[in-house]
Amino acid sequence: MDTHYGFGEGEQAWLVCSYGGGKRVKGRVHDGHEWGQYMDDGQREWWVKLASKLAMCDLQVREIKSRGGSPSAWTATVNCE
């Protein structure tokens, strides 16, 4: 998943990483897909104030599938200019 964020002139930009959660809350199934599921209990947030001269950031989220049925790992990378 790739997402582009642009910031307006004079707007304070923040990088917020939200992760964790130990309990999966089920969503509703419609047409064979589950919608609205989320993680709860123990979520963490990390806030970083970005320099005011930055105009945009590109976020890349990738899933790294493991072998043998183990849970996948996820990575997030952000590049700002």
N, C-alpha and C. Protein backbone atom coordinates (compact mmCIF):
# COMPACT_ATOMS: atom_id res chain seq x y z
N MET A 1 0.86 -1.17 0.00
CA MET A 1 0.00 0.00 0.00
C MET A 1 0.90 1.23 0.00
N ASP A 2 0.72 2.11 -0.93
CA ASP A 2 1.47 3.36 -1.01
C ASP A 2 0.50 4.52 -0.86
N THR A 3 0.85 5.48 0.02
CA THR A 3 -0.01 6.63 0.25
C THR A 3 0.83 7.89 0.22
N HIS A 4 0.34 8.92 -0.47
CA HIS A 4 1.03 10.21 -0.57
C HIS A 4 0.28 11.24 0.26
N TYR A 5 1.02 11.99 1.07
CA TYR A 5 0.44 13.05 1.89
C TYR A 5 1.11 14.37 1.54
N GLY A 6 0.32 15.38 1.25
CA GLY A 6 0.84 16.72 1.01
C GLY A 6 0.40 17.65 2.13
N PHE A 7 1.24 18.63 2.47
CA PHE A 7 0.95 19.56 3.56
C PHE A 7 0.82 20.96 3.00
N GLY A 8 -0.14 21.70 3.53
CA GLY A 8 -0.34 23.08 3.11
C GLY A 8 0.74 23.99 3.69
N GLU A 9 0.98 25.11 3.03
CA GLU A 9 1.99 26.06 3.50
C GLU A 9 1.60 26.58 4.88
N GLY A 10 2.54 26.54 5.80
CA GLY A 10 2.29 27.00 7.16
C GLY A 10 1.58 25.99 8.04
N GLU A 11 1.21 24.85 7.50
CA GLU A 11 0.52 23.81 8.26
C GLU A 11 1.54 22.96 9.02
N GLN A 12 1.31 22.71 10.30
CA GLN A 12 2.20 21.84 11.07
C GLN A 12 1.91 20.39 10.71
N ALA A 13 2.94 19.68 10.30
CA ALA A 13 2.80 18.28 9.91
C ALA A 13 3.29 17.37 11.03
N TRP A 14 2.63 16.24 11.19
CA TRP A 14 2.98 15.24 12.19
C TRP A 14 3.08 13.88 11.54
N LEU A 15 4.01 13.07 12.02
CA LEU A 15 4.09 11.66 11.65
C LEU A 15 3.59 10.89 12.87
N VAL A 16 2.52 10.11 12.68
CA VAL A 16 1.92 9.37 13.78
C VAL A 16 1.94 7.88 13.43
N CYS A 17 2.60 7.10 14.26
CA CYS A 17 2.63 5.66 14.07
C CYS A 17 1.75 5.03 15.15
N SER A 18 0.76 4.29 14.74
CA SER A 18 -0.16 3.62 15.65
C SER A 18 -0.03 2.13 15.43
N TYR A 19 0.26 1.39 16.48
CA TYR A 19 0.49 -0.04 16.34
C TYR A 19 0.08 -0.78 17.62
N GLY A 20 0.06 -2.08 17.51
CA GLY A 20 -0.23 -2.90 18.68
C GLY A 20 -1.68 -3.32 18.74
N GLY A 21 -2.06 -3.70 19.89
CA GLY A 21 -3.40 -4.21 20.09
C GLY A 21 -3.35 -5.71 20.25
N GLY A 22 -3.97 -6.20 21.27
CA GLY A 22 -3.89 -7.62 21.54
C GLY A 22 -5.18 -8.37 21.30
N LYS A 23 -6.23 -7.66 20.94
CA LYS A 23 -7.52 -8.32 20.75
C LYS A 23 -8.12 -7.90 19.42
N ARG A 24 -8.40 -8.88 18.57
CA ARG A 24 -9.02 -8.59 17.27
C ARG A 24 -10.53 -8.54 17.43
N VAL A 25 -11.13 -7.45 17.03
CA VAL A 25 -12.58 -7.28 17.07
C VAL A 25 -13.11 -7.54 15.67
N LYS A 26 -13.98 -8.55 15.56
CA LYS A 26 -14.50 -8.94 14.25
C LYS A 26 -15.41 -7.87 13.67
N GLY A 27 -15.39 -7.78 12.34
CA GLY A 27 -16.28 -6.89 11.62
C GLY A 27 -17.49 -7.65 11.11
N ARG A 28 -18.12 -7.09 10.12
CA ARG A 28 -19.29 -7.73 9.50
C ARG A 28 -18.89 -8.30 8.15
N VAL A 29 -19.42 -9.46 7.83
CA VAL A 29 -19.12 -10.11 6.56
C VAL A 29 -20.18 -9.72 5.54
N HIS A 30 -19.71 -9.27 4.37
CA HIS A 30 -20.61 -8.89 3.27
C HIS A 30 -19.95 -9.34 1.97
N ASP A 31 -20.66 -10.10 1.18
CA ASP A 31 -20.16 -10.62 -0.10
C ASP A 31 -18.84 -11.38 0.06
N GLY A 32 -18.71 -12.10 1.16
CA GLY A 32 -17.53 -12.92 1.38
C GLY A 32 -16.31 -12.19 1.91
N HIS A 33 -16.45 -10.89 2.21
CA HIS A 33 -15.33 -10.11 2.76
C HIS A 33 -15.72 -9.55 4.11
N GLU A 34 -14.76 -9.48 5.00
CA GLU A 34 -15.01 -8.92 6.33
C GLU A 34 -14.65 -7.44 6.32
N TRP A 35 -15.56 -6.59 6.78
CA TRP A 35 -15.38 -5.14 6.80
C TRP A 35 -15.49 -4.63 8.23
N GLY A 36 -14.66 -3.66 8.58
CA GLY A 36 -14.78 -2.98 9.88
C GLY A 36 -14.08 -3.68 11.02
N GLN A 37 -13.24 -4.67 10.75
CA GLN A 37 -12.50 -5.30 11.82
C GLN A 37 -11.39 -4.36 12.31
N TYR A 38 -10.99 -4.49 13.56
CA TYR A 38 -9.92 -3.65 14.10
C TYR A 38 -9.29 -4.33 15.31
N MET A 39 -8.14 -3.80 15.72
CA MET A 39 -7.44 -4.31 16.89
C MET A 39 -7.72 -3.37 18.06
N ASP A 40 -7.89 -3.95 19.23
CA ASP A 40 -8.21 -3.18 20.42
C ASP A 40 -7.34 -3.67 21.57
N ASP A 41 -7.29 -2.92 22.65
CA ASP A 41 -6.61 -3.32 23.88
C ASP A 41 -5.09 -3.25 23.71
N GLY A 42 -4.49 -2.21 24.21
CA GLY A 42 -3.04 -2.11 24.21
C GLY A 42 -2.44 -1.36 23.05
N GLN A 43 -3.23 -0.59 22.31
CA GLN A 43 -2.70 0.14 21.17
C GLN A 43 -1.73 1.23 21.63
N ARG A 44 -0.67 1.42 20.87
CA ARG A 44 0.34 2.44 21.18
C ARG A 44 0.36 3.46 20.05
N GLU A 45 0.68 4.70 20.37
CA GLU A 45 0.86 5.74 19.37
C GLU A 45 2.17 6.45 19.61
N TRP A 46 2.85 6.77 18.53
CA TRP A 46 4.12 7.48 18.59
C TRP A 46 4.00 8.69 17.68
N TRP A 47 4.12 9.90 18.24
CA TRP A 47 3.94 11.15 17.50
C TRP A 47 5.28 11.83 17.31
N VAL A 48 5.57 12.27 16.07
CA VAL A 48 6.80 13.00 15.76
C VAL A 48 6.40 14.27 15.01
N LYS A 49 6.79 15.41 15.56
CA LYS A 49 6.53 16.69 14.91
C LYS A 49 7.54 16.85 13.77
N LEU A 50 7.05 17.08 12.55
CA LEU A 50 7.92 17.22 11.39
C LEU A 50 8.33 18.67 11.18
N ALA A 51 9.47 18.86 10.55
CA ALA A 51 9.97 20.20 10.27
C ALA A 51 8.97 20.96 9.38
N SER A 52 8.83 22.24 9.64
CA SER A 52 7.84 23.05 8.91
C SER A 52 8.17 23.20 7.43
N LYS A 53 9.42 22.99 7.03
CA LYS A 53 9.80 23.13 5.62
C LYS A 53 9.39 21.94 4.76
N LEU A 54 8.94 20.84 5.38
CA LEU A 54 8.53 19.67 4.61
C LEU A 54 7.21 19.93 3.91
N ALA A 55 7.11 19.50 2.64
CA ALA A 55 5.91 19.74 1.85
C ALA A 55 5.10 18.47 1.62
N MET A 56 5.76 17.29 1.72
CA MET A 56 5.03 16.05 1.44
C MET A 56 5.76 14.86 2.04
N CYS A 57 4.99 13.77 2.23
CA CYS A 57 5.54 12.49 2.70
C CYS A 57 4.88 11.37 1.90
N ASP A 58 5.68 10.34 1.63
CA ASP A 58 5.18 9.12 0.99
C ASP A 58 5.33 7.97 1.98
N LEU A 59 4.23 7.28 2.24
CA LEU A 59 4.19 6.16 3.16
C LEU A 59 4.08 4.86 2.37
N GLN A 60 4.93 3.88 2.70
CA GLN A 60 4.88 2.56 2.08
C GLN A 60 4.67 1.53 3.18
N VAL A 61 3.60 0.74 3.07
CA VAL A 61 3.31 -0.34 4.02
C VAL A 61 3.39 -1.65 3.24
N ARG A 62 4.17 -2.60 3.78
CA ARG A 62 4.38 -3.88 3.10
C ARG A 62 4.14 -5.03 4.07
N GLU A 63 3.55 -6.11 3.53
CA GLU A 63 3.37 -7.34 4.29
C GLU A 63 4.46 -8.32 3.88
N ILE A 64 5.12 -8.91 4.88
CA ILE A 64 6.14 -9.93 4.64
C ILE A 64 5.55 -11.25 5.09
N LYS A 65 5.17 -12.06 4.13
CA LYS A 65 4.53 -13.34 4.44
C LYS A 65 5.58 -14.33 4.92
N SER A 66 5.27 -15.03 5.99
CA SER A 66 6.19 -16.01 6.54
C SER A 66 5.85 -17.40 6.03
N ARG A 67 6.78 -18.29 6.16
CA ARG A 67 6.57 -19.67 5.73
C ARG A 67 5.99 -20.49 6.87
N GLY A 68 5.32 -21.55 6.53
CA GLY A 68 4.85 -22.49 7.54
C GLY A 68 3.64 -22.06 8.32
N GLY A 69 2.87 -21.11 7.82
CA GLY A 69 1.64 -20.74 8.49
C GLY A 69 1.79 -19.78 9.66
N SER A 70 3.00 -19.28 9.91
CA SER A 70 3.20 -18.29 10.99
C SER A 70 2.57 -16.97 10.58
N PRO A 71 2.27 -16.10 11.55
CA PRO A 71 1.69 -14.80 11.21
C PRO A 71 2.64 -13.97 10.35
N SER A 72 2.07 -13.14 9.50
CA SER A 72 2.86 -12.25 8.66
C SER A 72 3.44 -11.11 9.49
N ALA A 73 4.50 -10.50 8.98
CA ALA A 73 5.07 -9.30 9.58
C ALA A 73 4.75 -8.13 8.66
N TRP A 74 4.64 -6.95 9.22
CA TRP A 74 4.34 -5.75 8.44
C TRP A 74 5.45 -4.72 8.65
N THR A 75 5.81 -3.99 7.60
CA THR A 75 6.77 -2.90 7.72
C THR A 75 6.13 -1.62 7.20
N ALA A 76 6.54 -0.51 7.78
CA ALA A 76 6.08 0.80 7.32
C ALA A 76 7.31 1.70 7.17
N THR A 77 7.40 2.37 6.01
CA THR A 77 8.52 3.26 5.72
C THR A 77 7.92 4.58 5.22
N VAL A 78 8.46 5.69 5.73
CA VAL A 78 7.99 7.00 5.27
C VAL A 78 9.18 7.82 4.81
N ASN A 79 9.03 8.47 3.66
CA ASN A 79 10.04 9.39 3.11
C ASN A 79 9.40 10.75 2.97
N CYS A 80 10.01 11.77 3.58
CA CYS A 80 9.46 13.13 3.54
C CYS A 80 10.44 14.09 2.89
N GLU A 81 9.90 15.05 2.13
CA GLU A 81 10.71 16.09 1.48
C GLU A 81 10.10 17.44 1.74
